[in-house]
Amino acid sequence: MKNTEIFSYRHMCIYVSSLLCARVNAIANLKWDQIDLEERICSNVLEKEGKIVELSFSKETKIYLENLLKYREENGIDDHGWLFISPYVTDDKPIRNSTLNDWCKRIGSMIGKSSNTTSCMIFATATRPF
């Protein structure tokens, strides 16, 4: 993978995470089998205090998710069933919350705001500066 491809792939992931509008832990533990692209929902998402919620997302997010799937297929990227990945993700281990926290900080810096990592996904979605 070329550096420019890695750069745009990471930015696509950052953008998608902001569009899903959920807490970092919920996003980190999302698997593709929880996502219904046609209905534009994520089911059985574990949120704060053990609550199971359903997340809905926009048509725009659906397009980004479809592009993410296509990109992974075309480049032979094994995501182990997880929506968001890093080199350390395995079948049993999702992306680390700290990695997503770093992404939140990047989102905050991109929109010129300091980001509270537990609410940056909501803030970034509400402001939609991208």
C-alpha atoms as a PDB file:
ATOM      1  CA  MET A   1       0.000   0.000   0.000  1.00  0.00           C
ATOM      2  CA  LYS A   2       1.341   3.432  -0.939  1.00  0.00           C
ATOM      3  CA  ASN A   3       1.675   6.198   1.662  1.00  0.00           C
ATOM      4  CA  THR A   4      -1.053   8.236  -0.052  1.00  0.00           C
ATOM      5  CA  GLU A   5      -3.385   5.229   0.075  1.00  0.00           C
ATOM      6  CA  ILE A   6      -2.666   4.723   3.776  1.00  0.00           C
ATOM      7  CA  PHE A   7      -3.288   8.421   4.399  1.00  0.00           C
ATOM      8  CA  SER A   8      -6.659   8.446   2.658  1.00  0.00           C
ATOM      9  CA  TYR A   9      -7.669   5.084   4.165  1.00  0.00           C
ATOM     10  CA  ARG A  10      -6.975   6.381   7.689  1.00  0.00           C
ATOM     11  CA  HIS A  11      -8.874   9.588   7.000  1.00  0.00           C
ATOM     12  CA  MET A  12     -11.815   7.581   5.661  1.00  0.00           C
ATOM     13  CA  CYS A  13     -11.809   5.561   8.907  1.00  0.00           C
ATOM     14  CA  ILE A  14     -11.641   8.724  11.009  1.00  0.00           C
ATOM     15  CA  TYR A  15     -14.512  10.223   9.070  1.00  0.00           C
ATOM     16  CA  VAL A  16     -16.681   7.093   9.304  1.00  0.00           C
ATOM     17  CA  SER A  17     -16.080   6.856  13.050  1.00  0.00           C
ATOM     18  CA  SER A  18     -17.282  10.434  13.439  1.00  0.00           C
ATOM     19  CA  LEU A  19     -20.416   9.760  11.403  1.00  0.00           C
ATOM     20  CA  LEU A  20     -21.478   6.797  13.528  1.00  0.00           C
ATOM     21  CA  CYS A  21     -21.940   9.036  16.567  1.00  0.00           C
ATOM     22  CA  ALA A  22     -21.205   6.724  19.479  1.00  0.00           C
ATOM     23  CA  ARG A  23     -18.776   6.362  22.348  1.00  0.00           C
ATOM     24  CA  VAL A  24     -15.271   5.183  21.615  1.00  0.00           C
ATOM     25  CA  ASN A  25     -15.714   1.752  23.209  1.00  0.00           C
ATOM     26  CA  ALA A  26     -18.895   1.110  21.213  1.00  0.00           C
ATOM     27  CA  ILE A  27     -17.152   2.031  17.961  1.00  0.00           C
ATOM     28  CA  ALA A  28     -14.060  -0.049  18.801  1.00  0.00           C
ATOM     29  CA  ASN A  29     -16.181  -3.155  19.298  1.00  0.00           C
ATOM     30  CA  LEU A  30     -18.329  -2.876  16.164  1.00  0.00           C
ATOM     31  CA  LYS A  31     -18.256  -5.866  13.841  1.00  0.00           C
ATOM     32  CA  TRP A  32     -19.475  -5.997  10.262  1.00  0.00           C
ATOM     33  CA  ASP A  33     -22.142  -8.560  11.180  1.00  0.00           C
ATOM     34  CA  GLN A  34     -23.787  -5.903  13.390  1.00  0.00           C
ATOM     35  CA  ILE A  35     -24.152  -3.542  10.435  1.00  0.00           C
ATOM     36  CA  ASP A  36     -27.118  -3.610   8.086  1.00  0.00           C
ATOM     37  CA  LEU A  37     -26.142  -1.383   5.177  1.00  0.00           C
ATOM     38  CA  GLU A  38     -29.572  -1.511   3.542  1.00  0.00           C
ATOM     39  CA  GLU A  39     -31.429  -0.461   6.702  1.00  0.00           C
ATOM     40  CA  ARG A  40     -28.530   1.823   7.752  1.00  0.00           C
ATOM     41  CA  ILE A  41     -28.350   0.565  11.319  1.00  0.00           C
ATOM     42  CA  CYS A  42     -25.819  -1.012  13.668  1.00  0.00           C
ATOM     43  CA  SER A  43     -27.497  -3.517  15.992  1.00  0.00           C
ATOM     44  CA  ASN A  44     -26.613  -4.815  19.437  1.00  0.00           C
ATOM     45  CA  VAL A  45     -24.074  -2.081  20.152  1.00  0.00           C
ATOM     46  CA  LEU A  46     -22.730  -2.154  23.712  1.00  0.00           C
ATOM     47  CA  GLU A  47     -22.834   1.340  25.191  1.00  0.00           C
ATOM     48  CA  LYS A  48     -22.175   2.933  28.566  1.00  0.00           C
ATOM     49  CA  GLU A  49     -23.420   1.080  31.655  1.00  0.00           C
ATOM     50  CA  GLY A  50     -23.912  -2.104  29.636  1.00  0.00           C
ATOM     51  CA  LYS A  51     -26.836  -0.772  27.617  1.00  0.00           C
ATOM     52  CA  ILE A  52     -27.418  -2.392  24.252  1.00  0.00           C
ATOM     53  CA  VAL A  53     -28.411   0.182  21.649  1.00  0.00           C
ATOM     54  CA  GLU A  54     -29.053   0.478  17.948  1.00  0.00           C
ATOM     55  CA  LEU A  55     -27.230   3.165  15.962  1.00  0.00           C
ATOM     56  CA  SER A  56     -28.628   4.579  12.765  1.00  0.00           C
ATOM     57  CA  PHE A  57     -26.508   6.284  10.162  1.00  0.00           C
ATOM     58  CA  SER A  58     -26.944   8.477   7.112  1.00  0.00           C
ATOM     59  CA  LYS A  59     -26.900   7.577   3.435  1.00  0.00           C
ATOM     60  CA  GLU A  60     -23.535   9.326   3.259  1.00  0.00           C
ATOM     61  CA  THR A  61     -22.143   7.034   5.971  1.00  0.00           C
ATOM     62  CA  LYS A  62     -23.524   4.022   4.103  1.00  0.00           C
ATOM     63  CA  ILE A  63     -21.526   5.077   1.036  1.00  0.00           C
ATOM     64  CA  TYR A  64     -18.353   5.436   3.128  1.00  0.00           C
ATOM     65  CA  LEU A  65     -18.908   2.011   4.681  1.00  0.00           C
ATOM     66  CA  GLU A  66     -19.452   0.452   1.253  1.00  0.00           C
ATOM     67  CA  ASN A  67     -16.252   2.112   0.032  1.00  0.00           C
ATOM     68  CA  LEU A  68     -14.396   0.843   3.083  1.00  0.00           C
ATOM     69  CA  LEU A  69     -15.551  -2.725   2.392  1.00  0.00           C
ATOM     70  CA  LYS A  70     -14.612  -2.413  -1.276  1.00  0.00           C
ATOM     71  CA  TYR A  71     -11.180  -0.990  -0.410  1.00  0.00           C
ATOM     72  CA  ARG A  72     -10.453  -3.867   1.956  1.00  0.00           C
ATOM     73  CA  GLU A  73     -11.566  -6.459  -0.584  1.00  0.00           C
ATOM     74  CA  GLU A  74      -9.520  -4.920  -3.399  1.00  0.00           C
ATOM     75  CA  ASN A  75      -6.412  -4.728  -1.213  1.00  0.00           C
ATOM     76  CA  GLY A  76      -6.775  -8.104   0.493  1.00  0.00           C
ATOM     77  CA  ILE A  77      -7.083  -6.563   3.961  1.00  0.00           C
ATOM     78  CA  ASP A  78      -8.238  -9.050   6.590  1.00  0.00           C
ATOM     79  CA  ASP A  79     -10.259  -7.075   9.120  1.00  0.00           C
ATOM     80  CA  HIS A  80     -11.113 -10.161  11.215  1.00  0.00           C
ATOM     81  CA  GLY A  81     -14.767  -9.053  11.044  1.00  0.00           C
ATOM     82  CA  TRP A  82     -14.135  -5.743  12.836  1.00  0.00           C
ATOM     83  CA  LEU A  83     -15.248  -2.424  11.393  1.00  0.00           C
ATOM     84  CA  PHE A  84     -12.128  -0.549  12.529  1.00  0.00           C
ATOM     85  CA  ILE A  85      -8.723  -2.155  12.457  1.00  0.00           C
ATOM     86  CA  SER A  86      -5.067  -1.607  13.183  1.00  0.00           C
ATOM     87  CA  PRO A  87      -2.096  -3.917  12.681  1.00  0.00           C
ATOM     88  CA  TYR A  88      -2.774  -5.380  16.152  1.00  0.00           C
ATOM     89  CA  VAL A  89      -6.390  -6.456  15.598  1.00  0.00           C
ATOM     90  CA  THR A  90      -7.079 -10.204  15.698  1.00  0.00           C
ATOM     91  CA  ASP A  91     -10.211 -12.357  15.584  1.00  0.00           C
ATOM     92  CA  ASP A  92     -10.538 -11.954  19.356  1.00  0.00           C
ATOM     93  CA  LYS A  93      -9.085  -8.487  19.854  1.00  0.00           C
ATOM     94  CA  PRO A  94     -10.662  -5.293  18.461  1.00  0.00           C
ATOM     95  CA  ILE A  95      -8.892  -2.027  17.856  1.00  0.00           C
ATOM     96  CA  ARG A  96      -7.737  -0.391  21.069  1.00  0.00           C
ATOM     97  CA  ASN A  97      -9.798   2.400  22.547  1.00  0.00           C
ATOM     98  CA  SER A  98      -6.622   4.470  22.804  1.00  0.00           C
ATOM     99  CA  THR A  99      -6.211   4.280  19.024  1.00  0.00           C
ATOM    100  CA  LEU A 100      -9.726   5.612  18.552  1.00  0.00           C
ATOM    101  CA  ASN A 101      -9.071   8.236  21.213  1.00  0.00           C
ATOM    102  CA  ASP A 102      -6.131   9.381  19.091  1.00  0.00           C
ATOM    103  CA  TRP A 103      -8.465   9.555  16.099  1.00  0.00           C
ATOM    104  CA  CYS A 104     -10.849  11.686  18.175  1.00  0.00           C
ATOM    105  CA  LYS A 105      -8.026  14.067  18.957  1.00  0.00           C
ATOM    106  CA  ARG A 106      -7.286  14.297  15.231  1.00  0.00           C
ATOM    107  CA  ILE A 107     -10.926  15.059  14.505  1.00  0.00           C
ATOM    108  CA  GLY A 108     -10.850  17.788  17.128  1.00  0.00           C
ATOM    109  CA  SER A 109      -7.709  19.262  15.636  1.00  0.00           C
ATOM    110  CA  MET A 110      -9.166  19.109  12.111  1.00  0.00           C
ATOM    111  CA  ILE A 111     -12.212  21.101  13.206  1.00  0.00           C
ATOM    112  CA  GLY A 112     -10.262  23.467  15.423  1.00  0.00           C
ATOM    113  CA  LYS A 113     -11.690  22.267  18.733  1.00  0.00           C
ATOM    114  CA  SER A 114     -10.160  20.475  21.666  1.00  0.00           C
ATOM    115  CA  SER A 115     -11.945  17.158  21.854  1.00  0.00           C
ATOM    116  CA  ASN A 116     -13.267  15.315  24.831  1.00  0.00           C
ATOM    117  CA  THR A 117     -12.681  11.768  23.642  1.00  0.00           C
ATOM    118  CA  THR A 118     -15.968  10.397  24.970  1.00  0.00           C
ATOM    119  CA  SER A 119     -18.037  12.986  23.144  1.00  0.00           C
ATOM    120  CA  CYS A 120     -15.917  13.920  20.140  1.00  0.00           C
ATOM    121  CA  MET A 121     -17.760  11.509  17.872  1.00  0.00           C
ATOM    122  CA  ILE A 122     -21.038  13.253  18.710  1.00  0.00           C
ATOM    123  CA  PHE A 123     -19.488  16.726  18.373  1.00  0.00           C
ATOM    124  CA  ALA A 124     -17.829  15.939  15.061  1.00  0.00           C
ATOM    125  CA  THR A 125     -21.070  14.555  13.665  1.00  0.00           C
ATOM    126  CA  ALA A 126     -23.051  17.569  14.808  1.00  0.00           C
ATOM    127  CA  THR A 127     -20.660  20.074  13.267  1.00  0.00           C
ATOM    128  CA  ARG A 128     -19.995  18.131  10.040  1.00  0.00           C
ATOM    129  CA  PRO A 129     -17.068  20.311   8.892  1.00  0.00           C
ATOM    130  CA  PHE A 130     -15.680  17.731   6.501  1.00  0.00           C
END
